[in-house]
Amino acid sequence: MKKSPRTMQRRRFVTLLALGGGALVSAPLSRAASALTRAGTREPARGRAPSAAVKREIETQEKSLAEQLKTLRAYELPPGSPMAFSFRPLKAKRGVRR
């Protein structure tokens, strides 16, 4: 009886399995160690400094957002008022084909 080219002896299979498992275990550790050494030497990214107009606009937007949040947080609802919205998940329609 001829063996097909896909059959493998049990010992060879177990050996390959053990070697592959060992490689999987050791490879992530070496990658993590090299990443740590690279991360320690990396300099922060340098980009263009924002212009004065951009800085003023950011300050204006931050101030506007702070005022809006203050208004929303200060608004008091009367006791027992209805909720603004409620979330109710819809059931999936099963067996319907389009």
C-alpha atoms as a PDB file:
ATOM      1  CA  MET A   1       0.000   0.000   0.000  1.00  0.00           C
ATOM      2  CA  LYS A   2       1.449   3.348  -1.039  1.00  0.00           C
ATOM      3  CA  LYS A   3       1.494   6.266   1.329  1.00  0.00           C
ATOM      4  CA  SER A   4       0.159   9.490  -0.064  1.00  0.00           C
ATOM      5  CA  PRO A   5       2.574  12.451  -0.018  1.00  0.00           C
ATOM      6  CA  ARG A   6       0.390  14.153   2.589  1.00  0.00           C
ATOM      7  CA  THR A   7       0.820  11.530   5.271  1.00  0.00           C
ATOM      8  CA  MET A   8       3.414  12.254   7.921  1.00  0.00           C
ATOM      9  CA  GLN A   9       4.863  10.139  10.631  1.00  0.00           C
ATOM     10  CA  ARG A  10       3.582  10.883  14.107  1.00  0.00           C
ATOM     11  CA  ARG A  11       7.052  11.615  15.496  1.00  0.00           C
ATOM     12  CA  ARG A  12       7.809  14.131  12.768  1.00  0.00           C
ATOM     13  CA  PHE A  13       4.452  15.828  13.324  1.00  0.00           C
ATOM     14  CA  VAL A  14       4.984  16.107  17.093  1.00  0.00           C
ATOM     15  CA  THR A  15       8.530  17.441  16.561  1.00  0.00           C
ATOM     16  CA  LEU A  16       7.301  20.113  14.135  1.00  0.00           C
ATOM     17  CA  LEU A  17       4.500  21.008  16.481  1.00  0.00           C
ATOM     18  CA  ALA A  18       6.905  21.448  19.405  1.00  0.00           C
ATOM     19  CA  LEU A  19       9.326  23.542  17.348  1.00  0.00           C
ATOM     20  CA  GLY A  20       6.506  25.738  16.045  1.00  0.00           C
ATOM     21  CA  GLY A  21       5.143  26.254  19.554  1.00  0.00           C
ATOM     22  CA  GLY A  22       8.579  27.212  20.830  1.00  0.00           C
ATOM     23  CA  ALA A  23       9.004  29.704  17.999  1.00  0.00           C
ATOM     24  CA  LEU A  24       5.616  31.249  18.743  1.00  0.00           C
ATOM     25  CA  VAL A  25       6.451  31.618  22.418  1.00  0.00           C
ATOM     26  CA  SER A  26       9.877  33.170  21.897  1.00  0.00           C
ATOM     27  CA  ALA A  27       9.057  35.451  18.940  1.00  0.00           C
ATOM     28  CA  PRO A  28       6.639  37.820  20.724  1.00  0.00           C
ATOM     29  CA  LEU A  29       9.092  38.255  23.588  1.00  0.00           C
ATOM     30  CA  SER A  30      11.916  39.277  21.302  1.00  0.00           C
ATOM     31  CA  ARG A  31       9.635  41.676  19.420  1.00  0.00           C
ATOM     32  CA  ALA A  32       8.429  43.223  22.674  1.00  0.00           C
ATOM     33  CA  ALA A  33      11.986  43.668  23.951  1.00  0.00           C
ATOM     34  CA  SER A  34      13.097  45.351  20.740  1.00  0.00           C
ATOM     35  CA  ALA A  35      10.038  47.609  20.794  1.00  0.00           C
ATOM     36  CA  LEU A  36      10.858  48.737  24.337  1.00  0.00           C
ATOM     37  CA  THR A  37      14.408  49.673  23.388  1.00  0.00           C
ATOM     38  CA  ARG A  38      13.177  51.584  20.335  1.00  0.00           C
ATOM     39  CA  ALA A  39      10.468  53.381  22.332  1.00  0.00           C
ATOM     40  CA  GLY A  40      12.984  54.666  24.869  1.00  0.00           C
ATOM     41  CA  THR A  41      15.143  56.317  22.202  1.00  0.00           C
ATOM     42  CA  ARG A  42      12.372  57.879  20.143  1.00  0.00           C
ATOM     43  CA  GLU A  43      12.130  61.660  20.149  1.00  0.00           C
ATOM     44  CA  PRO A  44       8.753  63.373  20.224  1.00  0.00           C
ATOM     45  CA  ALA A  45       7.333  64.328  16.858  1.00  0.00           C
ATOM     46  CA  ARG A  46       7.898  67.890  15.895  1.00  0.00           C
ATOM     47  CA  GLY A  47       5.388  69.729  13.788  1.00  0.00           C
ATOM     48  CA  ARG A  48       4.829  73.295  12.827  1.00  0.00           C
ATOM     49  CA  ALA A  49       3.913  75.582  15.681  1.00  0.00           C
ATOM     50  CA  PRO A  50       0.366  76.934  15.346  1.00  0.00           C
ATOM     51  CA  SER A  51       0.125  80.513  14.182  1.00  0.00           C
ATOM     52  CA  ALA A  52      -1.246  83.293  16.386  1.00  0.00           C
ATOM     53  CA  ALA A  53      -4.563  83.243  14.511  1.00  0.00           C
ATOM     54  CA  VAL A  54      -4.966  79.509  15.105  1.00  0.00           C
ATOM     55  CA  LYS A  55      -4.150  79.899  18.803  1.00  0.00           C
ATOM     56  CA  ARG A  56      -6.761  82.691  19.129  1.00  0.00           C
ATOM     57  CA  GLU A  57      -9.380  80.555  17.377  1.00  0.00           C
ATOM     58  CA  ILE A  58      -8.681  77.582  19.649  1.00  0.00           C
ATOM     59  CA  GLU A  59      -9.024  79.807  22.724  1.00  0.00           C
ATOM     60  CA  THR A  60     -12.289  81.242  21.362  1.00  0.00           C
ATOM     61  CA  GLN A  61     -13.722  77.766  20.752  1.00  0.00           C
ATOM     62  CA  GLU A  62     -12.643  76.513  24.182  1.00  0.00           C
ATOM     63  CA  LYS A  63     -14.292  79.518  25.830  1.00  0.00           C
ATOM     64  CA  SER A  64     -17.488  79.007  23.814  1.00  0.00           C
ATOM     65  CA  LEU A  65     -17.606  75.305  24.710  1.00  0.00           C
ATOM     66  CA  ALA A  66     -17.091  76.081  28.410  1.00  0.00           C
ATOM     67  CA  GLU A  67     -19.999  78.565  28.338  1.00  0.00           C
ATOM     68  CA  GLN A  68     -22.273  76.054  26.579  1.00  0.00           C
ATOM     69  CA  LEU A  69     -21.453  73.311  29.081  1.00  0.00           C
ATOM     70  CA  LYS A  70     -22.034  75.694  31.984  1.00  0.00           C
ATOM     71  CA  THR A  71     -25.469  76.592  30.578  1.00  0.00           C
ATOM     72  CA  LEU A  72     -26.437  72.945  30.075  1.00  0.00           C
ATOM     73  CA  ARG A  73     -25.273  71.895  33.526  1.00  0.00           C
ATOM     74  CA  ALA A  74     -27.058  74.800  35.229  1.00  0.00           C
ATOM     75  CA  TYR A  75     -30.412  73.993  33.575  1.00  0.00           C
ATOM     76  CA  GLU A  76     -32.743  72.429  36.105  1.00  0.00           C
ATOM     77  CA  LEU A  77     -35.543  70.097  35.137  1.00  0.00           C
ATOM     78  CA  PRO A  78     -38.703  70.083  37.218  1.00  0.00           C
ATOM     79  CA  PRO A  79     -39.195  66.926  39.304  1.00  0.00           C
ATOM     80  CA  GLY A  80     -41.082  64.202  37.456  1.00  0.00           C
ATOM     81  CA  SER A  81     -40.500  65.683  34.010  1.00  0.00           C
ATOM     82  CA  PRO A  82     -40.508  63.220  31.114  1.00  0.00           C
ATOM     83  CA  MET A  83     -37.228  61.937  29.756  1.00  0.00           C
ATOM     84  CA  ALA A  84     -35.875  63.621  26.654  1.00  0.00           C
ATOM     85  CA  PHE A  85     -35.366  60.263  24.963  1.00  0.00           C
ATOM     86  CA  SER A  86     -35.165  56.594  25.754  1.00  0.00           C
ATOM     87  CA  PHE A  87     -33.329  53.852  23.933  1.00  0.00           C
ATOM     88  CA  ARG A  88     -35.224  50.721  23.060  1.00  0.00           C
ATOM     89  CA  PRO A  89     -33.452  48.192  20.844  1.00  0.00           C
ATOM     90  CA  LEU A  90     -35.497  46.783  17.990  1.00  0.00           C
ATOM     91  CA  LYS A  91     -35.838  43.044  17.599  1.00  0.00           C
ATOM     92  CA  ALA A  92     -34.270  41.605  14.473  1.00  0.00           C
ATOM     93  CA  LYS A  93     -36.730  40.348  11.921  1.00  0.00           C
ATOM     94  CA  ARG A  94     -35.768  36.763  11.274  1.00  0.00           C
ATOM     95  CA  GLY A  95     -36.544  34.917   8.120  1.00  0.00           C
ATOM     96  CA  VAL A  96     -37.282  38.003   6.051  1.00  0.00           C
ATOM     97  CA  ARG A  97     -35.401  38.101   2.769  1.00  0.00           C
ATOM     98  CA  ARG A  98     -35.038  41.107   0.588  1.00  0.00           C
END
